[in-house]
Each structure stands twice: as structure tokens, then as C-alpha cells.
């Protein structure tokens, strides 16, 4: 499934996802709303910028 972060392009499996408030994210940066502009750092993704 797609990461719940609206600006993220990552696809994540539920078993590997970070779950927060009933949504699934590819990592902590997306789950926490990109603190200090931190992106998820996955190749090809520009979220958090």
C-alpha cells in the first residue's frame, strides 16, 4: 500500500510499516510529519523537502 504521507511516493507492506493513528507509513520521518524537514530517504522520493 502507499505510504499515508501525502507527499510520499513509497509503497510499503503493512508488516513492515510504521503504524500511527491507524495509518501506515514507510518510516518514522513520514509518520512524525517530517520534523525539521527530514525526508524518508528512500530512493526517488522527495517528501519532506
PDB file of N, CA and C in Angstrom:
ATOM      1  N   UNK A   1       0.841  -1.180   0.000  1.00  0.00           N
ATOM      2  CA  UNK A   1       0.000   0.000   0.000  1.00  0.00           C
ATOM      3  C   UNK A   1       0.885   1.241   0.000  1.00  0.00           C
ATOM      4  N   UNK A   2       0.328   2.362  -0.449  1.00  0.00           N
ATOM      5  CA  UNK A   2       1.076   3.609  -0.479  1.00  0.00           C
ATOM      6  C   UNK A   2       1.227   4.149   0.937  1.00  0.00           C
ATOM      7  N   UNK A   3       2.388   4.709   1.207  1.00  0.00           N
ATOM      8  CA  UNK A   3       2.626   5.386   2.485  1.00  0.00           C
ATOM      9  C   UNK A   3       1.543   6.446   2.688  1.00  0.00           C
ATOM     10  N   UNK A   4       1.057   6.597   3.915  1.00  0.00           N
ATOM     11  CA  UNK A   4      -0.027   7.539   4.212  1.00  0.00           C
ATOM     12  C   UNK A   4       0.394   9.005   4.126  1.00  0.00           C
ATOM     13  N   UNK A   5       1.670   9.271   4.052  1.00  0.00           N
ATOM     14  CA  UNK A   5       2.152  10.648   3.897  1.00  0.00           C
ATOM     15  C   UNK A   5       1.745  11.148   2.513  1.00  0.00           C
ATOM     16  N   UNK A   6       1.018  12.262   2.418  1.00  0.00           N
ATOM     17  CA  UNK A   6       0.513  12.716   1.123  1.00  0.00           C
ATOM     18  C   UNK A   6       1.601  13.042   0.104  1.00  0.00           C
ATOM     19  N   UNK A   7       2.775  13.469   0.553  1.00  0.00           N
ATOM     20  CA  UNK A   7       3.829  13.846  -0.393  1.00  0.00           C
ATOM     21  C   UNK A   7       4.819  12.720  -0.667  1.00  0.00           C
ATOM     22  N   UNK A   8       4.597  11.556  -0.090  1.00  0.00           N
ATOM     23  CA  UNK A   8       5.500  10.413  -0.242  1.00  0.00           C
ATOM     24  C   UNK A   8       5.006   9.488  -1.351  1.00  0.00           C
ATOM     25  N   UNK A   9       5.948   8.936  -2.110  1.00  0.00           N
ATOM     26  CA  UNK A   9       5.610   8.024  -3.204  1.00  0.00           C
ATOM     27  C   UNK A   9       5.876   6.566  -2.861  1.00  0.00           C
ATOM     28  N   UNK A  10       6.314   6.284  -1.654  1.00  0.00           N
ATOM     29  CA  UNK A  10       6.736   4.935  -1.283  1.00  0.00           C
ATOM     30  C   UNK A  10       5.567   3.961  -1.163  1.00  0.00           C
ATOM     31  N   UNK A  11       5.856   2.727  -1.513  1.00  0.00           N
ATOM     32  CA  UNK A  11       4.924   1.620  -1.310  1.00  0.00           C
ATOM     33  C   UNK A  11       5.483   0.800  -0.156  1.00  0.00           C
ATOM     34  N   UNK A  12       4.640   0.487   0.796  1.00  0.00           N
ATOM     35  CA  UNK A  12       5.087  -0.213   1.999  1.00  0.00           C
ATOM     36  C   UNK A  12       4.135  -1.364   2.304  1.00  0.00           C
ATOM     37  N   UNK A  13       4.690  -2.458   2.799  1.00  0.00           N
ATOM     38  CA  UNK A  13       3.827  -3.568   3.219  1.00  0.00           C
ATOM     39  C   UNK A  13       3.377  -3.301   4.651  1.00  0.00           C
ATOM     40  N   UNK A  14       2.188  -3.720   4.971  1.00  0.00           N
ATOM     41  CA  UNK A  14       1.642  -3.489   6.308  1.00  0.00           C
ATOM     42  C   UNK A  14       2.546  -4.090   7.377  1.00  0.00           C
ATOM     43  N   UNK A  15       3.156  -5.226   7.082  1.00  0.00           N
ATOM     44  CA  UNK A  15       4.012  -5.884   8.073  1.00  0.00           C
ATOM     45  C   UNK A  15       5.295  -5.102   8.351  1.00  0.00           C
ATOM     46  N   UNK A  16       5.744  -4.279   7.402  1.00  0.00           N
ATOM     47  CA  UNK A  16       6.972  -3.502   7.582  1.00  0.00           C
ATOM     48  C   UNK A  16       6.714  -2.038   7.923  1.00  0.00           C
ATOM     49  N   UNK A  17       5.471  -1.613   7.866  1.00  0.00           N
ATOM     50  CA  UNK A  17       5.135  -0.200   8.023  1.00  0.00           C
ATOM     51  C   UNK A  17       5.210   0.260   9.473  1.00  0.00           C
ATOM     52  N   UNK A  18       5.386   1.575   9.620  1.00  0.00           N
ATOM     53  CA  UNK A  18       5.263   2.225  10.921  1.00  0.00           C
ATOM     54  C   UNK A  18       3.804   2.652  11.021  1.00  0.00           C
ATOM     55  N   UNK A  19       3.101   2.149  12.040  1.00  0.00           N
ATOM     56  CA  UNK A  19       1.683   2.465  12.188  1.00  0.00           C
ATOM     57  C   UNK A  19       1.509   3.580  13.203  1.00  0.00           C
ATOM     58  N   UNK A  20       0.742   4.596  12.826  1.00  0.00           N
ATOM     59  CA  UNK A  20       0.466   5.706  13.731  1.00  0.00           C
ATOM     60  C   UNK A  20      -0.941   6.206  13.459  1.00  0.00           C
ATOM     61  N   UNK A  21      -1.750   6.259  14.490  1.00  0.00           N
ATOM     62  CA  UNK A  21      -3.129   6.745  14.401  1.00  0.00           C
ATOM     63  C   UNK A  21      -3.923   6.031  13.313  1.00  0.00           C
ATOM     64  N   UNK A  22      -3.704   4.723  13.191  1.00  0.00           N
ATOM     65  CA  UNK A  22      -4.457   3.905  12.249  1.00  0.00           C
ATOM     66  C   UNK A  22      -4.008   4.015  10.805  1.00  0.00           C
ATOM     67  N   UNK A  23      -2.906   4.713  10.553  1.00  0.00           N
ATOM     68  CA  UNK A  23      -2.384   4.861   9.195  1.00  0.00           C
ATOM     69  C   UNK A  23      -1.016   4.194   9.123  1.00  0.00           C
ATOM     70  N   UNK A  24      -0.614   3.833   7.910  1.00  0.00           N
ATOM     71  CA  UNK A  24       0.641   3.121   7.705  1.00  0.00           C
ATOM     72  C   UNK A  24       1.625   3.975   6.914  1.00  0.00           C
ATOM     73  N   UNK A  25       2.836   4.084   7.438  1.00  0.00           N
ATOM     74  CA  UNK A  25       3.873   4.930   6.854  1.00  0.00           C
ATOM     75  C   UNK A  25       5.124   4.110   6.560  1.00  0.00           C
ATOM     76  N   UNK A  26       5.950   4.613   5.613  1.00  0.00           N
ATOM     77  CA  UNK A  26       7.162   3.890   5.232  1.00  0.00           C
ATOM     78  C   UNK A  26       8.268   4.030   6.268  1.00  0.00           C
ATOM     79  N   UNK A  27       8.183   5.021   7.131  1.00  0.00           N
ATOM     80  CA  UNK A  27       9.214   5.209   8.144  1.00  0.00           C
ATOM     81  C   UNK A  27       8.819   6.265   9.152  1.00  0.00           C
ATOM     82  N   UNK A  28       9.686   6.466  10.131  1.00  0.00           N
ATOM     83  CA  UNK A  28       9.399   7.406  11.208  1.00  0.00           C
ATOM     84  C   UNK A  28       9.267   8.852  10.729  1.00  0.00           C
ATOM     85  N   UNK A  29      10.076   9.248   9.740  1.00  0.00           N
ATOM     86  CA  UNK A  29      10.010  10.636   9.263  1.00  0.00           C
ATOM     87  C   UNK A  29       8.614  10.966   8.747  1.00  0.00           C
ATOM     88  N   UNK A  30       8.050  10.087   7.942  1.00  0.00           N
ATOM     89  CA  UNK A  30       6.698  10.315   7.423  1.00  0.00           C
ATOM     90  C   UNK A  30       5.665  10.235   8.545  1.00  0.00           C
ATOM     91  N   UNK A  31       5.802   9.270   9.414  1.00  0.00           N
ATOM     92  CA  UNK A  31       4.834   9.082  10.498  1.00  0.00           C
ATOM     93  C   UNK A  31       4.804  10.273  11.447  1.00  0.00           C
ATOM     94  N   UNK A  32       5.937  10.942  11.601  1.00  0.00           N
ATOM     95  CA  UNK A  32       6.030  12.059  12.536  1.00  0.00           C
ATOM     96  C   UNK A  32       5.901  13.421  11.865  1.00  0.00           C
ATOM     97  N   UNK A  33       5.496  13.443  10.601  1.00  0.00           N
ATOM     98  CA  UNK A  33       5.250  14.706   9.909  1.00  0.00           C
ATOM     99  C   UNK A  33       6.500  15.437   9.460  1.00  0.00           C
ATOM    100  N   UNK A  34       7.567  14.728   9.229  1.00  0.00           N
ATOM    101  CA  UNK A  34       8.822  15.297   8.724  1.00  0.00           C
ATOM    102  C   UNK A  34       9.381  16.399   9.614  1.00  0.00           C
ATOM    103  N   UNK A  35       9.748  16.053  10.852  1.00  0.00           N
ATOM    104  CA  UNK A  35      10.336  17.059  11.744  1.00  0.00           C
ATOM    105  C   UNK A  35      11.620  17.624  11.141  1.00  0.00           C
ATOM    106  N   UNK A  36      11.778  18.919  11.219  1.00  0.00           N
ATOM    107  CA  UNK A  36      12.957  19.618  10.690  1.00  0.00           C
ATOM    108  C   UNK A  36      13.159  19.363   9.204  1.00  0.00           C
ATOM    109  N   UNK A  37      12.097  19.043   8.470  1.00  0.00           N
ATOM    110  CA  UNK A  37      12.186  18.828   7.034  1.00  0.00           C
ATOM    111  C   UNK A  37      12.817  17.516   6.622  1.00  0.00           C
ATOM    112  N   UNK A  38      12.967  16.589   7.554  1.00  0.00           N
ATOM    113  CA  UNK A  38      13.590  15.298   7.250  1.00  0.00           C
ATOM    114  C   UNK A  38      12.718  14.491   6.307  1.00  0.00           C
ATOM    115  N   UNK A  39      13.304  14.007   5.221  1.00  0.00           N
ATOM    116  CA  UNK A  39      12.589  13.143   4.286  1.00  0.00           C
ATOM    117  C   UNK A  39      12.716  11.692   4.704  1.00  0.00           C
ATOM    118  N   UNK A  40      12.053  10.818   3.990  1.00  0.00           N
ATOM    119  CA  UNK A  40      12.113   9.395   4.332  1.00  0.00           C
ATOM    120  C   UNK A  40      13.410   8.749   3.858  1.00  0.00           C
ATOM    121  N   UNK A  41      14.125   9.421   2.962  1.00  0.00           N
ATOM    122  CA  UNK A  41      15.427   8.997   2.422  1.00  0.00           C
ATOM    123  C   UNK A  41      15.361   7.764   1.534  1.00  0.00           C
ATOM    124  N   UNK A  42      14.185   7.375   1.096  1.00  0.00           N
ATOM    125  CA  UNK A  42      14.076   6.265   0.160  1.00  0.00           C
ATOM    126  C   UNK A  42      14.343   6.777  -1.252  1.00  0.00           C
ATOM    127  N   UNK A  43      15.014   5.996  -2.053  1.00  0.00           N
ATOM    128  CA  UNK A  43      15.414   6.383  -3.407  1.00  0.00           C
ATOM    129  C   UNK A  43      14.215   6.843  -4.243  1.00  0.00           C
ATOM    130  N   UNK A  44      14.341   8.014  -4.845  1.00  0.00           N
ATOM    131  CA  UNK A  44      13.308   8.528  -5.728  1.00  0.00           C
ATOM    132  C   UNK A  44      12.189   9.282  -5.039  1.00  0.00           C
ATOM    133  N   UNK A  45      12.211   9.355  -3.740  1.00  0.00           N
ATOM    134  CA  UNK A  45      11.144  10.040  -3.013  1.00  0.00           C
ATOM    135  C   UNK A  45      11.642  11.403  -2.542  1.00  0.00           C
ATOM    136  N   UNK A  46      10.813  12.424  -2.709  1.00  0.00           N
ATOM    137  CA  UNK A  46      11.207  13.781  -2.347  1.00  0.00           C
ATOM    138  C   UNK A  46      10.357  14.352  -1.222  1.00  0.00           C
ATOM    139  N   UNK A  47       9.698  13.498  -0.451  1.00  0.00           N
ATOM    140  CA  UNK A  47       8.865  14.007   0.633  1.00  0.00           C
ATOM    141  C   UNK A  47       9.748  14.670   1.693  1.00  0.00           C
ATOM    142  N   UNK A  48       9.193  15.615   2.400  1.00  0.00           N
ATOM    143  CA  UNK A  48       9.914  16.312   3.445  1.00  0.00           C
ATOM    144  C   UNK A  48      10.734  17.479   2.951  1.00  0.00           C
ATOM    145  N   UNK A  49      10.852  17.635   1.631  1.00  0.00           N
ATOM    146  CA  UNK A  49      11.663  18.736   1.099  1.00  0.00           C
ATOM    147  C   UNK A  49      10.867  20.011   1.039  1.00  0.00           C
TER     148      UNK A  49
END
